[in-house]
């Protein structure tokens, strides 16, 4: 068990508040390949009728090989036209979800880049942060009490 039922009050309180998240996380860790495949195909289905999805035939993708063939690995520059359209306010270009903001990267390999943020992406980041904080409280119980 990654997050045991013992520890500081703070850890146990946060663990209880996030018990469903922890269950989902542990289930995913027990079947990572299935979890990743299910997530990919869920995302493909949701984006099938976006501009990018239609241009890459997302509705025809049935296997991982189909995915790799339809959307090969490439540099950020090849995504820039779609990103630019999204930044300009066009909807359903890269995602069927509403873009709520953009995150600017540091541009370590060139100029800064804009990454669209959706509610689903924001939730994934938030959930990961919750698990990280829980792990910190599990491993460093004094943190919850403001001690070193």
Protein backbone atom coordinates (compact mmCIF):
# COMPACT_ATOMS: atom_id res chain seq x y z
CA UNK A 1 0.00 0.00 0.00
CA UNK A 2 1.52 3.28 -1.14
CA UNK A 3 -0.43 5.38 1.34
CA UNK A 4 -0.84 3.35 4.58
CA UNK A 5 -3.56 3.90 7.18
CA UNK A 6 -1.11 5.17 9.78
CA UNK A 7 0.75 8.42 10.28
CA UNK A 8 0.31 11.95 11.56
CA UNK A 9 -3.12 13.54 12.05
CA UNK A 10 -2.50 15.80 9.07
CA UNK A 11 -1.51 12.90 6.84
CA UNK A 12 -4.51 10.79 7.89
CA UNK A 13 -6.93 13.71 7.36
CA UNK A 14 -5.63 14.44 3.87
CA UNK A 15 -5.51 10.73 3.09
CA UNK A 16 -9.18 10.36 4.09
CA UNK A 17 -10.22 13.40 2.02
CA UNK A 18 -8.44 11.93 -1.02
CA UNK A 19 -9.33 8.26 -0.53
CA UNK A 20 -10.99 7.88 -3.97
CA UNK A 21 -8.03 9.52 -5.69
CA UNK A 22 -5.69 7.15 -3.85
CA UNK A 23 -7.80 4.11 -4.82
CA UNK A 24 -7.79 5.17 -8.48
CA UNK A 25 -4.03 5.81 -8.37
CA UNK A 26 -3.25 2.43 -6.80
CA UNK A 27 -5.55 0.68 -9.31
CA UNK A 28 -3.69 2.42 -12.14
CA UNK A 29 -0.33 1.40 -10.69
CA UNK A 30 -1.45 -2.23 -10.65
CA UNK A 31 -2.32 -2.14 -14.37
CA UNK A 32 -0.25 0.65 -15.96
CA UNK A 33 -0.41 -0.58 -19.55
CA UNK A 34 -4.20 -0.96 -19.48
CA UNK A 35 -4.58 2.38 -17.69
CA UNK A 36 -2.47 4.21 -20.28
CA UNK A 37 -4.20 2.52 -23.21
CA UNK A 38 -7.66 3.29 -21.81
CA UNK A 39 -6.66 6.92 -21.23
CA UNK A 40 -5.24 7.29 -24.74
CA UNK A 41 -8.34 5.90 -26.42
CA UNK A 42 -10.62 7.99 -24.22
CA UNK A 43 -8.69 11.10 -25.26
CA UNK A 44 -8.77 10.08 -28.93
CA UNK A 45 -12.53 9.57 -28.80
CA UNK A 46 -13.05 12.96 -27.14
CA UNK A 47 -10.83 14.71 -29.72
CA UNK A 48 -12.07 12.80 -32.80
CA UNK A 49 -13.98 15.74 -34.21
CA UNK A 50 -11.49 18.48 -33.41
CA UNK A 51 -9.58 20.03 -36.28
CA UNK A 52 -6.45 18.11 -35.27
CA UNK A 53 -8.39 14.88 -34.72
CA UNK A 54 -10.04 15.05 -38.11
CA UNK A 55 -6.75 15.91 -39.84
CA UNK A 56 -5.18 12.81 -38.27
CA UNK A 57 -8.10 10.40 -38.60
CA UNK A 58 -8.64 9.88 -34.87
CA UNK A 59 -12.00 8.21 -35.56
CA UNK A 60 -10.17 5.44 -37.49
CA UNK A 61 -7.55 4.70 -34.82
CA UNK A 62 -8.20 1.30 -33.23
CA UNK A 63 -4.73 0.18 -32.12
CA UNK A 64 -1.51 1.65 -30.73
CA UNK A 65 0.12 0.97 -34.12
CA UNK A 66 -2.64 3.04 -35.78
CA UNK A 67 -1.94 5.83 -33.28
CA UNK A 68 1.81 5.80 -33.93
CA UNK A 69 1.24 5.89 -37.67
CA UNK A 70 -1.38 8.66 -37.56
CA UNK A 71 0.46 10.90 -35.08
CA UNK A 72 4.21 10.35 -35.31
CA UNK A 73 6.61 11.94 -32.84
CA UNK A 74 7.60 15.38 -34.05
CA UNK A 75 8.92 18.76 -32.96
CA UNK A 76 6.76 21.43 -31.36
CA UNK A 77 6.99 23.58 -34.49
CA UNK A 78 4.72 21.16 -36.35
CA UNK A 79 1.99 21.82 -33.76
CA UNK A 80 2.39 25.59 -33.89
CA UNK A 81 -0.31 26.23 -36.54
CA UNK A 82 -2.89 24.46 -34.36
CA UNK A 83 -1.65 26.20 -31.20
CA UNK A 84 -1.79 29.58 -32.95
CA UNK A 85 -5.41 28.99 -33.96
CA UNK A 86 -6.26 28.06 -30.37
CA UNK A 87 -4.46 31.13 -28.98
CA UNK A 88 -6.44 33.25 -31.47
CA UNK A 89 -9.64 31.97 -29.83
CA UNK A 90 -10.77 29.27 -32.24
CA UNK A 91 -12.43 26.40 -30.37
CA UNK A 92 -12.19 22.63 -30.92
CA UNK A 93 -8.83 22.83 -32.69
CA UNK A 94 -6.75 20.54 -30.44
CA UNK A 95 -9.31 19.60 -27.81
CA UNK A 96 -13.07 19.34 -27.56
CA UNK A 97 -12.85 20.97 -24.14
CA UNK A 98 -12.83 24.71 -23.62
CA UNK A 99 -9.31 26.08 -23.26
CA UNK A 100 -9.32 28.03 -19.99
CA UNK A 101 -5.80 29.45 -20.17
CA UNK A 102 -2.36 28.97 -21.66
CA UNK A 103 0.86 28.05 -19.89
CA UNK A 104 4.03 29.59 -21.26
CA UNK A 105 7.04 27.28 -21.27
CA UNK A 106 10.51 28.53 -20.47
CA UNK A 107 11.65 28.07 -24.05
CA UNK A 108 14.85 26.14 -23.27
CA UNK A 109 15.10 24.88 -26.86
CA UNK A 110 14.15 28.15 -28.53
CA UNK A 111 11.48 30.73 -27.97
CA UNK A 112 8.77 30.30 -25.35
CA UNK A 113 5.85 28.08 -26.31
CA UNK A 114 2.18 28.28 -25.35
CA UNK A 115 0.48 25.13 -24.05
CA UNK A 116 -3.34 25.12 -23.89
CA UNK A 117 -4.85 24.24 -20.49
CA UNK A 118 -8.26 22.57 -20.22
CA UNK A 119 -10.32 21.74 -17.11
CA UNK A 120 -9.39 18.04 -17.47
CA UNK A 121 -5.66 18.80 -17.72
CA UNK A 122 -5.92 21.14 -14.76
CA UNK A 123 -7.59 18.37 -12.70
CA UNK A 124 -4.83 15.88 -13.59
CA UNK A 125 -2.19 18.36 -12.41
CA UNK A 126 -4.15 19.09 -9.23
CA UNK A 127 -4.57 15.38 -8.48
CA UNK A 128 -0.85 14.77 -9.00
CA UNK A 129 -0.04 17.62 -6.62
CA UNK A 130 -2.40 16.17 -3.99
CA UNK A 131 -0.65 12.80 -4.20
CA UNK A 132 2.75 14.51 -4.00
CA UNK A 133 1.77 16.47 -0.88
CA UNK A 134 0.32 13.33 0.67
CA UNK A 135 3.59 11.50 0.01
CA UNK A 136 5.54 14.36 1.58
CA UNK A 137 3.35 14.25 4.69
CA UNK A 138 3.71 10.46 4.81
CA UNK A 139 7.51 10.61 4.61
CA UNK A 140 8.10 13.84 6.54
CA UNK A 141 5.34 13.99 9.14
CA UNK A 142 6.71 17.15 10.79
CA UNK A 143 5.93 19.18 7.65
CA UNK A 144 2.26 19.25 8.57
CA UNK A 145 3.14 20.85 11.87
CA UNK A 146 5.49 23.50 10.55
CA UNK A 147 8.60 21.86 12.05
CA UNK A 148 11.82 20.91 10.36
